[in-house]
């Protein structure tokens, strides 16, 4: 987890085949799942969020997962809340 802005942008481009300036949030975990970094492009520059757990680990994703999670799943992950076998009730969504 030594990579900074440029190193993570390179990973997004070369390994994921995505554009780092797309506005997506890219999440990276170290092998022990004690460090989490999120890379995000905002108008004017990159934002890098880094969280290091003093004890415990982040939930284990499937190996080398490249996919998407919802904002609420991300917040739960950062807060250390693991919801097993739960479902979300249907809500009205304006489109």
N, C-alpha and C. Protein backbone atom coordinates (compact mmCIF):
# COMPACT_ATOMS: atom_id res chain seq x y z
N UNK A 1 0.83 -1.19 0.00
CA UNK A 1 0.00 0.00 0.00
C UNK A 1 0.87 1.25 0.00
N UNK A 2 1.93 1.23 -0.74
CA UNK A 2 2.80 2.41 -0.81
C UNK A 2 2.45 3.34 -1.95
N UNK A 3 1.58 2.92 -2.82
CA UNK A 3 1.28 3.74 -3.99
C UNK A 3 0.48 4.98 -3.61
N UNK A 4 0.83 6.07 -4.27
CA UNK A 4 0.12 7.32 -4.08
C UNK A 4 -0.77 7.60 -5.27
N UNK A 5 -1.00 8.88 -5.52
CA UNK A 5 -1.89 9.29 -6.61
C UNK A 5 -1.48 8.69 -7.95
N UNK A 6 -0.23 8.92 -8.35
CA UNK A 6 0.23 8.49 -9.67
C UNK A 6 0.26 6.97 -9.81
N UNK A 7 0.73 6.27 -8.77
CA UNK A 7 0.79 4.81 -8.82
C UNK A 7 -0.59 4.18 -8.93
N UNK A 8 -1.54 4.71 -8.17
CA UNK A 8 -2.90 4.17 -8.22
C UNK A 8 -3.58 4.50 -9.55
N UNK A 9 -3.31 5.70 -10.08
CA UNK A 9 -3.85 6.05 -11.41
C UNK A 9 -3.32 5.10 -12.46
N UNK A 10 -2.03 4.74 -12.35
CA UNK A 10 -1.44 3.78 -13.27
C UNK A 10 -2.09 2.41 -13.17
N UNK A 11 -2.39 1.96 -11.94
CA UNK A 11 -3.08 0.68 -11.75
C UNK A 11 -4.48 0.70 -12.37
N UNK A 12 -5.18 1.80 -12.15
CA UNK A 12 -6.53 1.93 -12.71
C UNK A 12 -6.48 1.82 -14.23
N UNK A 13 -5.51 2.48 -14.82
CA UNK A 13 -5.38 2.49 -16.28
C UNK A 13 -4.91 1.14 -16.82
N UNK A 14 -3.81 0.61 -16.27
CA UNK A 14 -3.21 -0.60 -16.84
C UNK A 14 -3.91 -1.89 -16.42
N UNK A 15 -4.24 -2.03 -15.14
CA UNK A 15 -4.82 -3.28 -14.65
C UNK A 15 -6.34 -3.35 -14.82
N UNK A 16 -7.01 -2.25 -14.61
CA UNK A 16 -8.48 -2.26 -14.69
C UNK A 16 -9.00 -1.82 -16.05
N UNK A 17 -8.15 -1.17 -16.83
CA UNK A 17 -8.59 -0.68 -18.13
C UNK A 17 -9.62 0.42 -18.05
N UNK A 18 -9.57 1.20 -16.97
CA UNK A 18 -10.53 2.28 -16.75
C UNK A 18 -9.79 3.61 -16.80
N UNK A 19 -10.55 4.69 -16.85
CA UNK A 19 -9.98 6.04 -16.87
C UNK A 19 -10.14 6.62 -15.47
N UNK A 20 -9.02 6.96 -14.84
CA UNK A 20 -9.06 7.44 -13.46
C UNK A 20 -9.82 8.75 -13.30
N UNK A 21 -9.91 9.54 -14.36
CA UNK A 21 -10.60 10.83 -14.29
C UNK A 21 -12.08 10.72 -14.65
N UNK A 22 -12.64 9.52 -14.60
CA UNK A 22 -14.04 9.31 -14.98
C UNK A 22 -15.03 9.77 -13.92
N UNK A 23 -14.55 9.96 -12.69
CA UNK A 23 -15.45 10.33 -11.61
C UNK A 23 -15.84 9.15 -10.73
N UNK A 24 -15.44 7.94 -11.13
CA UNK A 24 -15.70 6.76 -10.31
C UNK A 24 -14.80 6.79 -9.08
N UNK A 25 -15.19 6.05 -8.05
CA UNK A 25 -14.36 5.89 -6.87
C UNK A 25 -13.72 4.51 -6.97
N UNK A 26 -12.39 4.47 -6.93
CA UNK A 26 -11.65 3.21 -7.03
C UNK A 26 -11.15 2.83 -5.64
N UNK A 27 -11.46 1.59 -5.22
CA UNK A 27 -11.15 1.14 -3.87
C UNK A 27 -10.04 0.09 -3.93
N UNK A 28 -9.05 0.26 -3.08
CA UNK A 28 -7.91 -0.66 -3.02
C UNK A 28 -7.73 -1.12 -1.57
N UNK A 29 -7.52 -2.44 -1.39
CA UNK A 29 -7.23 -3.02 -0.07
C UNK A 29 -5.87 -3.68 -0.10
N UNK A 30 -5.15 -3.64 1.02
CA UNK A 30 -3.90 -4.38 1.08
C UNK A 30 -4.19 -5.86 1.34
N UNK A 31 -3.19 -6.70 1.28
CA UNK A 31 -3.39 -8.16 1.40
C UNK A 31 -3.98 -8.54 2.75
N UNK A 32 -3.54 -7.86 3.80
CA UNK A 32 -4.04 -8.20 5.14
C UNK A 32 -5.39 -7.56 5.44
N UNK A 33 -5.88 -6.72 4.53
CA UNK A 33 -7.16 -6.03 4.64
C UNK A 33 -7.23 -5.11 5.86
N UNK A 34 -6.10 -4.49 6.20
CA UNK A 34 -6.07 -3.53 7.30
C UNK A 34 -5.97 -2.10 6.79
N UNK A 35 -5.66 -1.93 5.51
CA UNK A 35 -5.56 -0.60 4.90
C UNK A 35 -6.51 -0.52 3.71
N UNK A 36 -7.19 0.60 3.60
CA UNK A 36 -8.09 0.84 2.48
C UNK A 36 -7.75 2.20 1.89
N UNK A 37 -7.63 2.26 0.57
CA UNK A 37 -7.43 3.53 -0.13
C UNK A 37 -8.53 3.68 -1.17
N UNK A 38 -9.04 4.90 -1.28
CA UNK A 38 -10.03 5.21 -2.30
C UNK A 38 -9.51 6.37 -3.12
N UNK A 39 -9.52 6.22 -4.43
CA UNK A 39 -9.06 7.25 -5.36
C UNK A 39 -10.27 7.78 -6.11
N UNK A 40 -10.39 9.10 -6.15
CA UNK A 40 -11.54 9.73 -6.79
C UNK A 40 -11.10 11.01 -7.47
N UNK A 41 -11.61 11.26 -8.67
CA UNK A 41 -11.34 12.49 -9.40
C UNK A 41 -12.47 13.48 -9.16
N UNK A 42 -12.12 14.66 -8.72
CA UNK A 42 -13.06 15.77 -8.61
C UNK A 42 -12.57 16.85 -9.54
N UNK A 43 -13.45 17.74 -9.99
CA UNK A 43 -12.98 18.83 -10.85
C UNK A 43 -11.83 19.58 -10.17
N UNK A 44 -10.71 19.58 -10.83
CA UNK A 44 -9.54 20.27 -10.28
C UNK A 44 -8.47 19.36 -9.73
N UNK A 45 -8.76 18.09 -9.49
CA UNK A 45 -7.72 17.21 -9.00
C UNK A 45 -8.23 15.93 -8.37
N UNK A 46 -7.28 15.08 -7.97
CA UNK A 46 -7.60 13.80 -7.36
C UNK A 46 -7.76 13.95 -5.85
N UNK A 47 -8.58 13.07 -5.29
CA UNK A 47 -8.74 12.95 -3.85
C UNK A 47 -8.33 11.52 -3.49
N UNK A 48 -7.49 11.38 -2.47
CA UNK A 48 -7.06 10.06 -2.01
C UNK A 48 -7.44 9.93 -0.54
N UNK A 49 -8.29 8.96 -0.26
CA UNK A 49 -8.74 8.68 1.10
C UNK A 49 -8.03 7.42 1.56
N UNK A 50 -7.43 7.47 2.75
CA UNK A 50 -6.67 6.32 3.26
C UNK A 50 -7.13 6.04 4.69
N UNK A 51 -7.57 4.81 4.94
CA UNK A 51 -7.96 4.42 6.29
C UNK A 51 -7.14 3.22 6.71
N UNK A 52 -6.53 3.32 7.89
CA UNK A 52 -5.75 2.22 8.46
C UNK A 52 -6.45 1.77 9.74
N UNK A 53 -6.78 0.49 9.80
CA UNK A 53 -7.42 -0.05 10.99
C UNK A 53 -6.37 -0.39 12.04
N UNK A 54 -6.62 0.00 13.27
CA UNK A 54 -5.71 -0.33 14.36
C UNK A 54 -5.91 -1.77 14.82
N UNK A 55 -7.12 -2.28 14.67
CA UNK A 55 -7.39 -3.70 14.95
C UNK A 55 -8.53 -4.15 14.05
N UNK A 56 -8.56 -5.43 13.77
CA UNK A 56 -9.59 -5.97 12.89
C UNK A 56 -9.22 -5.82 11.42
N UNK A 57 -10.13 -6.24 10.56
CA UNK A 57 -9.91 -6.18 9.12
C UNK A 57 -11.18 -5.73 8.41
N UNK A 58 -11.00 -5.28 7.18
CA UNK A 58 -12.14 -4.97 6.33
C UNK A 58 -12.71 -6.29 5.82
N UNK A 59 -14.00 -6.31 5.43
CA UNK A 59 -14.58 -7.54 4.88
C UNK A 59 -13.78 -8.05 3.69
N UNK A 60 -13.70 -9.36 3.57
CA UNK A 60 -12.92 -9.97 2.51
C UNK A 60 -13.69 -10.05 1.20
N UNK A 61 -13.23 -9.32 0.17
CA UNK A 61 -13.88 -9.46 -1.13
C UNK A 61 -13.38 -10.74 -1.81
N UNK A 62 -14.08 -11.15 -2.85
CA UNK A 62 -13.58 -12.27 -3.63
C UNK A 62 -12.23 -11.86 -4.21
N UNK A 63 -11.36 -12.82 -4.44
CA UNK A 63 -10.01 -12.51 -4.91
C UNK A 63 -10.02 -11.67 -6.17
N UNK A 64 -9.26 -10.59 -6.14
CA UNK A 64 -9.07 -9.70 -7.30
C UNK A 64 -10.39 -9.29 -7.93
N UNK A 65 -11.29 -8.85 -7.12
CA UNK A 65 -12.60 -8.44 -7.61
C UNK A 65 -12.51 -7.09 -8.31
N UNK A 66 -13.04 -7.03 -9.49
CA UNK A 66 -13.23 -5.75 -10.16
C UNK A 66 -14.70 -5.66 -10.48
N UNK A 67 -15.37 -4.86 -9.76
CA UNK A 67 -16.81 -4.72 -9.94
C UNK A 67 -17.27 -3.44 -9.29
N UNK A 68 -18.53 -3.37 -9.01
CA UNK A 68 -19.04 -2.16 -8.39
C UNK A 68 -19.83 -2.50 -7.14
N UNK A 69 -19.83 -1.56 -6.20
CA UNK A 69 -20.64 -1.68 -5.00
C UNK A 69 -21.40 -0.38 -4.84
N UNK A 70 -22.50 -0.43 -4.13
CA UNK A 70 -23.30 0.77 -3.94
C UNK A 70 -22.65 1.66 -2.88
N UNK A 71 -23.11 2.91 -2.84
CA UNK A 71 -22.58 3.86 -1.86
C UNK A 71 -22.85 3.36 -0.44
N UNK A 72 -24.04 2.81 -0.20
CA UNK A 72 -24.37 2.33 1.14
C UNK A 72 -23.50 1.13 1.53
N UNK A 73 -23.19 0.24 0.58
CA UNK A 73 -22.28 -0.88 0.86
C UNK A 73 -20.89 -0.37 1.22
N UNK A 74 -20.44 0.67 0.53
CA UNK A 74 -19.12 1.25 0.81
C UNK A 74 -19.09 1.84 2.21
N UNK A 75 -20.11 2.59 2.58
CA UNK A 75 -20.17 3.19 3.91
C UNK A 75 -20.18 2.11 4.98
N UNK A 76 -20.97 1.06 4.79
CA UNK A 76 -20.99 -0.04 5.76
C UNK A 76 -19.63 -0.70 5.87
N UNK A 77 -18.95 -0.88 4.75
CA UNK A 77 -17.62 -1.50 4.74
C UNK A 77 -16.63 -0.65 5.54
N UNK A 78 -16.65 0.66 5.32
CA UNK A 78 -15.73 1.55 6.02
C UNK A 78 -16.03 1.58 7.51
N UNK A 79 -17.30 1.53 7.87
CA UNK A 79 -17.70 1.57 9.28
C UNK A 79 -17.54 0.22 9.98
N UNK A 80 -17.23 -0.83 9.23
CA UNK A 80 -17.00 -2.14 9.84
C UNK A 80 -18.26 -2.94 10.07
N UNK A 81 -19.32 -2.58 9.38
CA UNK A 81 -20.59 -3.29 9.53
C UNK A 81 -20.71 -4.31 8.41
N UNK A 82 -20.86 -5.57 8.79
CA UNK A 82 -20.99 -6.63 7.80
C UNK A 82 -22.40 -7.19 7.88
N UNK A 83 -23.14 -7.02 6.82
CA UNK A 83 -24.52 -7.49 6.77
C UNK A 83 -24.54 -8.79 5.97
N UNK A 84 -24.88 -9.87 6.62
CA UNK A 84 -24.91 -11.17 5.96
C UNK A 84 -26.34 -11.55 5.63
N UNK A 85 -26.53 -12.03 4.41
CA UNK A 85 -27.83 -12.52 3.95
C UNK A 85 -28.96 -11.54 4.24
N UNK A 86 -28.75 -10.32 3.91
CA UNK A 86 -29.81 -9.34 4.08
C UNK A 86 -30.31 -8.92 2.70
N UNK A 87 -31.48 -8.37 2.69
CA UNK A 87 -32.01 -7.88 1.43
C UNK A 87 -32.58 -6.49 1.65
N UNK A 88 -32.59 -5.72 0.60
CA UNK A 88 -33.10 -4.36 0.67
C UNK A 88 -34.55 -4.38 0.20
N UNK A 89 -35.41 -3.72 0.94
CA UNK A 89 -36.81 -3.64 0.55
C UNK A 89 -36.96 -2.69 -0.62
N UNK A 90 -37.93 -3.01 -1.45
CA UNK A 90 -38.20 -2.19 -2.62
C UNK A 90 -38.64 -0.80 -2.20
N UNK A 91 -38.10 0.21 -2.86
CA UNK A 91 -38.47 1.59 -2.60
C UNK A 91 -38.80 2.26 -3.93
N UNK A 92 -39.63 3.27 -3.85
CA UNK A 92 -39.94 4.06 -5.02
C UNK A 92 -38.73 4.90 -5.39
N UNK A 93 -38.34 4.88 -6.66
CA UNK A 93 -37.20 5.65 -7.13
C UNK A 93 -37.66 6.51 -8.30
N UNK A 94 -37.44 7.79 -8.19
CA UNK A 94 -37.77 8.70 -9.27
C UNK A 94 -36.71 8.59 -10.35
N UNK A 95 -37.12 8.42 -11.59
CA UNK A 95 -36.12 8.28 -12.65
C UNK A 95 -36.24 9.36 -13.66
